[in-house]
C-alpha atoms as a PDB file:
ATOM      1  CA  MET A   1      18.226  60.777-113.353  1.00  0.00           C
ATOM      2  CA  ARG A   2      17.438  60.971-117.066  1.00  0.00           C
ATOM      3  CA  ALA A   3      19.546  62.239-119.932  1.00  0.00           C
ATOM      4  CA  ASP A   4      17.428  65.377-120.309  1.00  0.00           C
ATOM      5  CA  ASP A   5      17.255  66.308-116.622  1.00  0.00           C
ATOM      6  CA  GLY A   6      18.604  69.825-116.454  1.00  0.00           C
ATOM      7  CA  ALA A   7      20.115  69.558-119.916  1.00  0.00           C
ATOM      8  CA  ASP A   8      18.060  72.433-121.304  1.00  0.00           C
ATOM      9  CA  ALA A   9      18.458  74.666-118.271  1.00  0.00           C
ATOM     10  CA  PRO A  10      20.347  77.873-119.085  1.00  0.00           C
ATOM     11  CA  ASP A  11      23.770  78.409-117.596  1.00  0.00           C
ATOM     12  CA  SER A  12      23.752  80.374-114.348  1.00  0.00           C
ATOM     13  CA  PRO A  13      24.674  84.058-114.573  1.00  0.00           C
ATOM     14  CA  ALA A  14      28.382  84.802-114.196  1.00  0.00           C
ATOM     15  CA  GLY A  15      29.371  84.816-110.552  1.00  0.00           C
ATOM     16  CA  ASP A  16      26.465  82.749-109.286  1.00  0.00           C
ATOM     17  CA  ASP A  17      28.385  79.475-109.137  1.00  0.00           C
ATOM     18  CA  ARG A  18      31.277  81.065-107.306  1.00  0.00           C
ATOM     19  CA  ALA A  19      28.990  82.579-104.675  1.00  0.00           C
ATOM     20  CA  ALA A  20      27.139  79.301-104.173  1.00  0.00           C
ATOM     21  CA  TRP A  21      30.435  77.382-104.100  1.00  0.00           C
ATOM     22  CA  GLU A  22      31.853  79.651-101.399  1.00  0.00           C
ATOM     23  CA  GLN A  23      28.677  79.333 -99.346  1.00  0.00           C
ATOM     24  CA  ALA A  24      28.748  75.555 -99.696  1.00  0.00           C
ATOM     25  CA  ALA A  25      32.424  75.498 -98.687  1.00  0.00           C
ATOM     26  CA  GLY A  26      31.334  77.284 -95.528  1.00  0.00           C
ATOM     27  CA  GLY A  27      28.904  74.481 -94.723  1.00  0.00           C
ATOM     28  CA  ASP A  28      25.757  75.733 -96.450  1.00  0.00           C
ATOM     29  CA  VAL A  29      24.051  72.506 -97.587  1.00  0.00           C
ATOM     30  CA  ALA A  30      21.324  74.411 -99.434  1.00  0.00           C
ATOM     31  CA  ALA A  31      23.947  76.192-101.542  1.00  0.00           C
ATOM     32  CA  PHE A  32      25.481  72.854-102.503  1.00  0.00           C
ATOM     33  CA  GLY A  33      22.008  71.590-103.375  1.00  0.00           C
ATOM     34  CA  GLU A  34      21.629  74.566-105.702  1.00  0.00           C
ATOM     35  CA  LEU A  35      24.915  73.676-107.426  1.00  0.00           C
ATOM     36  CA  PHE A  36      23.638  70.133-107.834  1.00  0.00           C
ATOM     37  CA  ARG A  37      20.368  71.380-109.305  1.00  0.00           C
ATOM     38  CA  ARG A  38      22.198  73.565-111.820  1.00  0.00           C
ATOM     39  CA  HIS A  39      24.703  70.997-113.047  1.00  0.00           C
ATOM     40  CA  ALA A  40      23.603  67.436-112.259  1.00  0.00           C
ATOM     41  CA  GLY A  41      21.778  66.989-115.569  1.00  0.00           C
ATOM     42  CA  ALA A  42      24.770  68.200-117.576  1.00  0.00           C
ATOM     43  CA  VAL A  43      27.166  66.012-115.583  1.00  0.00           C
ATOM     44  CA  TRP A  44      24.909  62.991-116.149  1.00  0.00           C
ATOM     45  CA  ASN A  45      24.813  63.642-119.884  1.00  0.00           C
ATOM     46  CA  TYR A  46      28.575  64.043-119.991  1.00  0.00           C
ATOM     47  CA  ALA A  47      29.109  60.842-118.003  1.00  0.00           C
ATOM     48  CA  TYR A  48      26.735  58.982-120.308  1.00  0.00           C
ATOM     49  CA  ARG A  49      28.563  60.183-123.399  1.00  0.00           C
ATOM     50  CA  LEU A  50      31.862  59.127-121.855  1.00  0.00           C
ATOM     51  CA  THR A  51      30.689  55.647-120.899  1.00  0.00           C
ATOM     52  CA  GLY A  52      27.718  54.751-123.123  1.00  0.00           C
ATOM     53  CA  SER A  53      25.954  53.388-120.041  1.00  0.00           C
ATOM     54  CA  TRP A  54      22.959  54.789-118.153  1.00  0.00           C
ATOM     55  CA  SER A  55      23.850  53.026-114.920  1.00  0.00           C
ATOM     56  CA  ALA A  56      27.505  54.079-115.108  1.00  0.00           C
ATOM     57  CA  ALA A  57      26.385  57.671-115.695  1.00  0.00           C
ATOM     58  CA  GLU A  58      24.248  57.518-112.544  1.00  0.00           C
ATOM     59  CA  ASP A  59      27.178  56.223-110.498  1.00  0.00           C
ATOM     60  CA  LEU A  60      29.627  58.738-111.945  1.00  0.00           C
ATOM     61  CA  THR A  61      27.270  61.649-111.292  1.00  0.00           C
ATOM     62  CA  SER A  62      26.915  60.635-107.654  1.00  0.00           C
ATOM     63  CA  SER A  63      30.675  60.157-107.293  1.00  0.00           C
ATOM     64  CA  THR A  64      31.407  63.501-108.956  1.00  0.00           C
ATOM     65  CA  PHE A  65      29.234  65.455-106.570  1.00  0.00           C
ATOM     66  CA  LEU A  66      30.529  63.496-103.594  1.00  0.00           C
ATOM     67  CA  THR A  67      34.052  64.487-104.664  1.00  0.00           C
ATOM     68  CA  ALA A  68      32.891  68.092-105.074  1.00  0.00           C
ATOM     69  CA  TRP A  69      31.434  68.118-101.552  1.00  0.00           C
ATOM     70  CA  ARG A  70      34.696  66.825-100.118  1.00  0.00           C
ATOM     71  CA  ARG A  71      36.872  69.304-102.019  1.00  0.00           C
ATOM     72  CA  LEU A  72      34.820  72.496-101.906  1.00  0.00           C
ATOM     73  CA  GLY A  73      37.504  74.380-100.038  1.00  0.00           C
ATOM     74  CA  GLU A  74      40.336  73.315-102.366  1.00  0.00           C
ATOM     75  CA  VAL A  75      38.943  74.340-105.748  1.00  0.00           C
ATOM     76  CA  THR A  76      39.097  77.606-107.700  1.00  0.00           C
ATOM     77  CA  LEU A  77      36.344  77.796-110.296  1.00  0.00           C
ATOM     78  CA  VAL A  78      37.032  78.546-113.973  1.00  0.00           C
ATOM     79  CA  ASN A  79      35.168  81.656-115.196  1.00  0.00           C
ATOM     80  CA  HIS A  80      32.931  81.426-112.113  1.00  0.00           C
ATOM     81  CA  SER A  81      31.419  78.194-113.420  1.00  0.00           C
ATOM     82  CA  ALA A  82      31.564  74.858-111.606  1.00  0.00           C
ATOM     83  CA  ARG A  83      30.880  72.863-114.759  1.00  0.00           C
ATOM     84  CA  PRO A  84      34.426  72.640-116.223  1.00  0.00           C
ATOM     85  CA  TRP A  85      35.820  71.370-112.918  1.00  0.00           C
ATOM     86  CA  LEU A  86      32.933  68.915-112.468  1.00  0.00           C
ATOM     87  CA  TYR A  87      33.560  67.551-115.972  1.00  0.00           C
ATOM     88  CA  THR A  88      37.249  67.078-115.174  1.00  0.00           C
ATOM     89  CA  VAL A  89      36.349  65.083-112.064  1.00  0.00           C
ATOM     90  CA  THR A  90      33.843  63.009-114.037  1.00  0.00           C
ATOM     91  CA  SER A  91      36.335  62.159-116.791  1.00  0.00           C
ATOM     92  CA  ASN A  92      39.016  61.209-114.251  1.00  0.00           C
ATOM     93  CA  LEU A  93      36.572  58.965-112.388  1.00  0.00           C
ATOM     94  CA  ALA A  94      35.402  57.412-115.669  1.00  0.00           C
ATOM     95  CA  ARG A  95      38.959  56.540-116.704  1.00  0.00           C
ATOM     96  CA  ARG A  96      39.665  55.041-113.287  1.00  0.00           C
ATOM     97  CA  GLU A  97      36.469  52.996-113.473  1.00  0.00           C
ATOM     98  CA  GLN A  98      37.305  51.825-116.980  1.00  0.00           C
ATOM     99  CA  ARG A  99      40.674  50.547-115.815  1.00  0.00           C
ATOM    100  CA  SER A 100      38.977  48.671-112.959  1.00  0.00           C
ATOM    101  CA  LEU A 101      36.378  47.192-115.304  1.00  0.00           C
ATOM    102  CA  GLY A 102      39.134  46.069-117.643  1.00  0.00           C
ATOM    103  CA  ARG A 103      40.840  44.147-114.869  1.00  0.00           C
ATOM    104  CA  PHE A 104      37.498  42.663-113.808  1.00  0.00           C
ATOM    105  CA  SER A 105      36.633  41.620-117.365  1.00  0.00           C
ATOM    106  CA  ARG A 106      39.979  39.906-117.802  1.00  0.00           C
ATOM    107  CA  ALA A 107      39.388  37.993-114.557  1.00  0.00           C
ATOM    108  CA  LEU A 108      35.899  36.940-115.709  1.00  0.00           C
ATOM    109  CA  SER A 109      37.256  35.735-119.037  1.00  0.00           C
ATOM    110  CA  ARG A 110      39.276  33.129-117.184  1.00  0.00           C
ATOM    111  CA  LEU A 111      36.201  31.651-115.480  1.00  0.00           C
ATOM    112  CA  PRO A 112      34.113  28.763-116.935  1.00  0.00           C
ATOM    113  CA  ARG A 113      31.170  30.031-118.958  1.00  0.00           C
ATOM    114  CA  GLY A 114      27.710  28.898-117.890  1.00  0.00           C
ATOM    115  CA  GLY A 115      24.290  29.473-119.380  1.00  0.00           C
ATOM    116  CA  VAL A 116      23.048  33.048-119.022  1.00  0.00           C
ATOM    117  CA  VAL A 117      19.407  34.051-119.357  1.00  0.00           C
ATOM    118  CA  ARG A 118      19.116  37.611-120.596  1.00  0.00           C
ATOM    119  CA  ASP A 119      16.229  39.948-119.906  1.00  0.00           C
ATOM    120  CA  HIS A 120      14.851  41.277-123.204  1.00  0.00           C
ATOM    121  CA  ALA A 121      12.113  43.453-121.753  1.00  0.00           C
ATOM    122  CA  GLU A 122      10.810  45.893-124.331  1.00  0.00           C
ATOM    123  CA  ASP A 123      11.108  48.885-121.999  1.00  0.00           C
ATOM    124  CA  VAL A 124      14.915  48.620-122.031  1.00  0.00           C
ATOM    125  CA  ALA A 125      15.377  47.838-125.726  1.00  0.00           C
ATOM    126  CA  GLY A 126      15.706  51.478-126.732  1.00  0.00           C
ATOM    127  CA  ARG A 127      18.203  52.174-123.984  1.00  0.00           C
ATOM    128  CA  VAL A 128      20.349  49.199-124.964  1.00  0.00           C
ATOM    129  CA  ASP A 129      20.345  50.315-128.597  1.00  0.00           C
ATOM    130  CA  ALA A 130      21.331  53.863-127.628  1.00  0.00           C
ATOM    131  CA  ASP A 131      24.148  52.520-125.465  1.00  0.00           C
ATOM    132  CA  ARG A 132      25.352  50.329-128.331  1.00  0.00           C
ATOM    133  CA  ARG A 133      25.350  53.184-130.845  1.00  0.00           C
ATOM    134  CA  LEU A 134      27.175  55.515-128.491  1.00  0.00           C
ATOM    135  CA  ARG A 135      29.746  52.823-127.730  1.00  0.00           C
ATOM    136  CA  VAL A 136      30.746  52.784-131.415  1.00  0.00           C
ATOM    137  CA  VAL A 137      31.596  56.488-131.228  1.00  0.00           C
ATOM    138  CA  LEU A 138      33.344  56.161-127.868  1.00  0.00           C
ATOM    139  CA  ASP A 139      35.504  53.366-129.237  1.00  0.00           C
ATOM    140  CA  ALA A 140      36.522  55.690-132.063  1.00  0.00           C
ATOM    141  CA  VAL A 141      37.218  58.553-129.645  1.00  0.00           C
ATOM    142  CA  ALA A 142      39.411  56.231-127.571  1.00  0.00           C
ATOM    143  CA  THR A 143      41.756  55.787-130.540  1.00  0.00           C
ATOM    144  CA  LEU A 144      42.500  59.511-130.805  1.00  0.00           C
ATOM    145  CA  PRO A 145      45.798  60.948-129.549  1.00  0.00           C
ATOM    146  CA  ARG A 146      45.426  61.912-125.890  1.00  0.00           C
ATOM    147  CA  ALA A 147      45.471  65.678-126.488  1.00  0.00           C
ATOM    148  CA  GLU A 148      42.725  65.461-129.104  1.00  0.00           C
ATOM    149  CA  ARG A 149      40.710  63.007-127.008  1.00  0.00           C
ATOM    150  CA  ARG A 150      40.650  65.372-124.016  1.00  0.00           C
ATOM    151  CA  ALA A 151      39.473  68.246-126.226  1.00  0.00           C
ATOM    152  CA  VAL A 152      36.735  66.046-127.707  1.00  0.00           C
ATOM    153  CA  GLU A 153      35.609  64.891-124.268  1.00  0.00           C
ATOM    154  CA  LEU A 154      35.297  68.441-122.972  1.00  0.00           C
ATOM    155  CA  CYS A 155      33.878  70.196-126.048  1.00  0.00           C
ATOM    156  CA  LEU A 156      32.088  67.676-128.284  1.00  0.00           C
ATOM    157  CA  LEU A 157      30.929  65.293-125.553  1.00  0.00           C
ATOM    158  CA  GLY A 158      30.720  67.704-122.642  1.00  0.00           C
ATOM    159  CA  GLY A 159      29.526  70.818-124.440  1.00  0.00           C
ATOM    160  CA  LEU A 160      32.087  73.188-122.901  1.00  0.00           C
ATOM    161  CA  SER A 161      33.160  76.187-124.935  1.00  0.00           C
ATOM    162  CA  THR A 162      36.658  76.177-126.384  1.00  0.00           C
ATOM    163  CA  GLY A 163      37.521  78.919-123.903  1.00  0.00           C
ATOM    164  CA  GLU A 164      36.387  76.854-120.949  1.00  0.00           C
ATOM    165  CA  ALA A 165      38.239  73.809-122.250  1.00  0.00           C
ATOM    166  CA  ALA A 166      41.387  75.902-122.736  1.00  0.00           C
ATOM    167  CA  ALA A 167      41.224  76.968-119.084  1.00  0.00           C
ATOM    168  CA  VAL A 168      40.779  73.370-117.929  1.00  0.00           C
ATOM    169  CA  LEU A 169      43.617  72.079-120.141  1.00  0.00           C
ATOM    170  CA  GLU A 170      45.799  75.147-119.473  1.00  0.00           C
ATOM    171  CA  ILE A 171      46.494  75.777-123.147  1.00  0.00           C
ATOM    172  CA  ALA A 172      45.595  78.494-125.645  1.00  0.00           C
ATOM    173  CA  GLU A 173      42.034  78.520-126.995  1.00  0.00           C
ATOM    174  CA  ALA A 174      43.427  78.354-130.534  1.00  0.00           C
ATOM    175  CA  SER A 175      45.129  75.087-129.628  1.00  0.00           C
ATOM    176  CA  VAL A 176      41.822  73.637-128.448  1.00  0.00           C
ATOM    177  CA  ARG A 177      40.157  74.629-131.726  1.00  0.00           C
ATOM    178  CA  ALA A 178      42.997  73.035-133.701  1.00  0.00           C
ATOM    179  CA  ARG A 179      42.732  69.799-131.709  1.00  0.00           C
ATOM    180  CA  ILE A 180      38.966  69.684-132.239  1.00  0.00           C
ATOM    181  CA  SER A 181      39.405  70.214-135.979  1.00  0.00           C
ATOM    182  CA  ARG A 182      41.963  67.406-136.269  1.00  0.00           C
ATOM    183  CA  ALA A 183      39.827  65.106-134.114  1.00  0.00           C
ATOM    184  CA  ARG A 184      36.734  65.719-136.231  1.00  0.00           C
ATOM    185  CA  SER A 185      38.631  64.735-139.369  1.00  0.00           C
ATOM    186  CA  ARG A 186      39.899  61.552-137.742  1.00  0.00           C
ATOM    187  CA  LEU A 187      36.473  60.637-136.354  1.00  0.00           C
ATOM    188  CA  ARG A 188      34.716  61.186-139.682  1.00  0.00           C
ATOM    189  CA  GLY A 189      37.188  58.802-141.257  1.00  0.00           C
ATOM    190  CA  LEU A 190      36.785  56.205-138.521  1.00  0.00           C
ATOM    191  CA  LEU A 191      32.981  56.365-138.589  1.00  0.00           C
ATOM    192  CA  ARG A 192      32.509  56.739-142.347  1.00  0.00           C
ATOM    193  CA  ASP A 193      31.574  53.102-142.834  1.00  0.00           C
ATOM    194  CA  THR A 194      29.149  52.776-139.939  1.00  0.00           C
ATOM    195  CA  THR A 195      25.446  53.593-139.876  1.00  0.00           C
ATOM    196  CA  LEU A 196      25.397  53.883-136.078  1.00  0.00           C
ATOM    197  CA  ASN A 197      25.057  57.635-135.652  1.00  0.00           C
ATOM    198  CA  ALA A 198      25.444  58.111-131.895  1.00  0.00           C
ATOM    199  CA  LEU A 199      26.479  61.726-132.489  1.00  0.00           C
ATOM    200  CA  THR A 200      25.012  64.019-135.134  1.00  0.00           C
ATOM    201  CA  ALA A 201      27.021  65.118-138.127  1.00  0.00           C
ATOM    202  CA  GLU A 202      27.028  68.635-136.683  1.00  0.00           C
ATOM    203  CA  GLU A 203      28.672  67.418-133.492  1.00  0.00           C
ATOM    204  CA  LEU A 204      31.432  65.751-135.435  1.00  0.00           C
END
């Protein structure tokens, strides 16, 4: 999957996700495939912006939809859209994976270091640079207070509306807007001295 797969597709009309979700919960594989078609590109993009890694985004997208398939009968959709719930699953999986990677990295750091031959193929150079630039922003986002970080993940990184984020976070929409405003100010300060613009000025 690529970063632009499905990213420009318009949101489904209100009610469509709920109908497809209910059909899928009843065992309709085609209905679940339609949900995947509608949202997989957006989930991939969100996972990529959370992790800064193409391969991690692929894995998280697969895991998110596997979780969705297993929990179809347990979930009530927000505003008839599956996307807010899918984003919540993706962010939870990403945090769990990050904790696991941290433990793995600490274990590796205790091992003897040998010579490593890196592959510098030109066809991956752009991807590596994009990952590196995004990582700078993600590192800054990680320093935000938890409440602001969750709002940033859902709205600035995930592209949810403040209303959708408010439903996911179970707070007032005005509170989401306030958290986004405070987070933008913090992020501008943190990123002021870097030229690595992984997000546009408009997004921050």
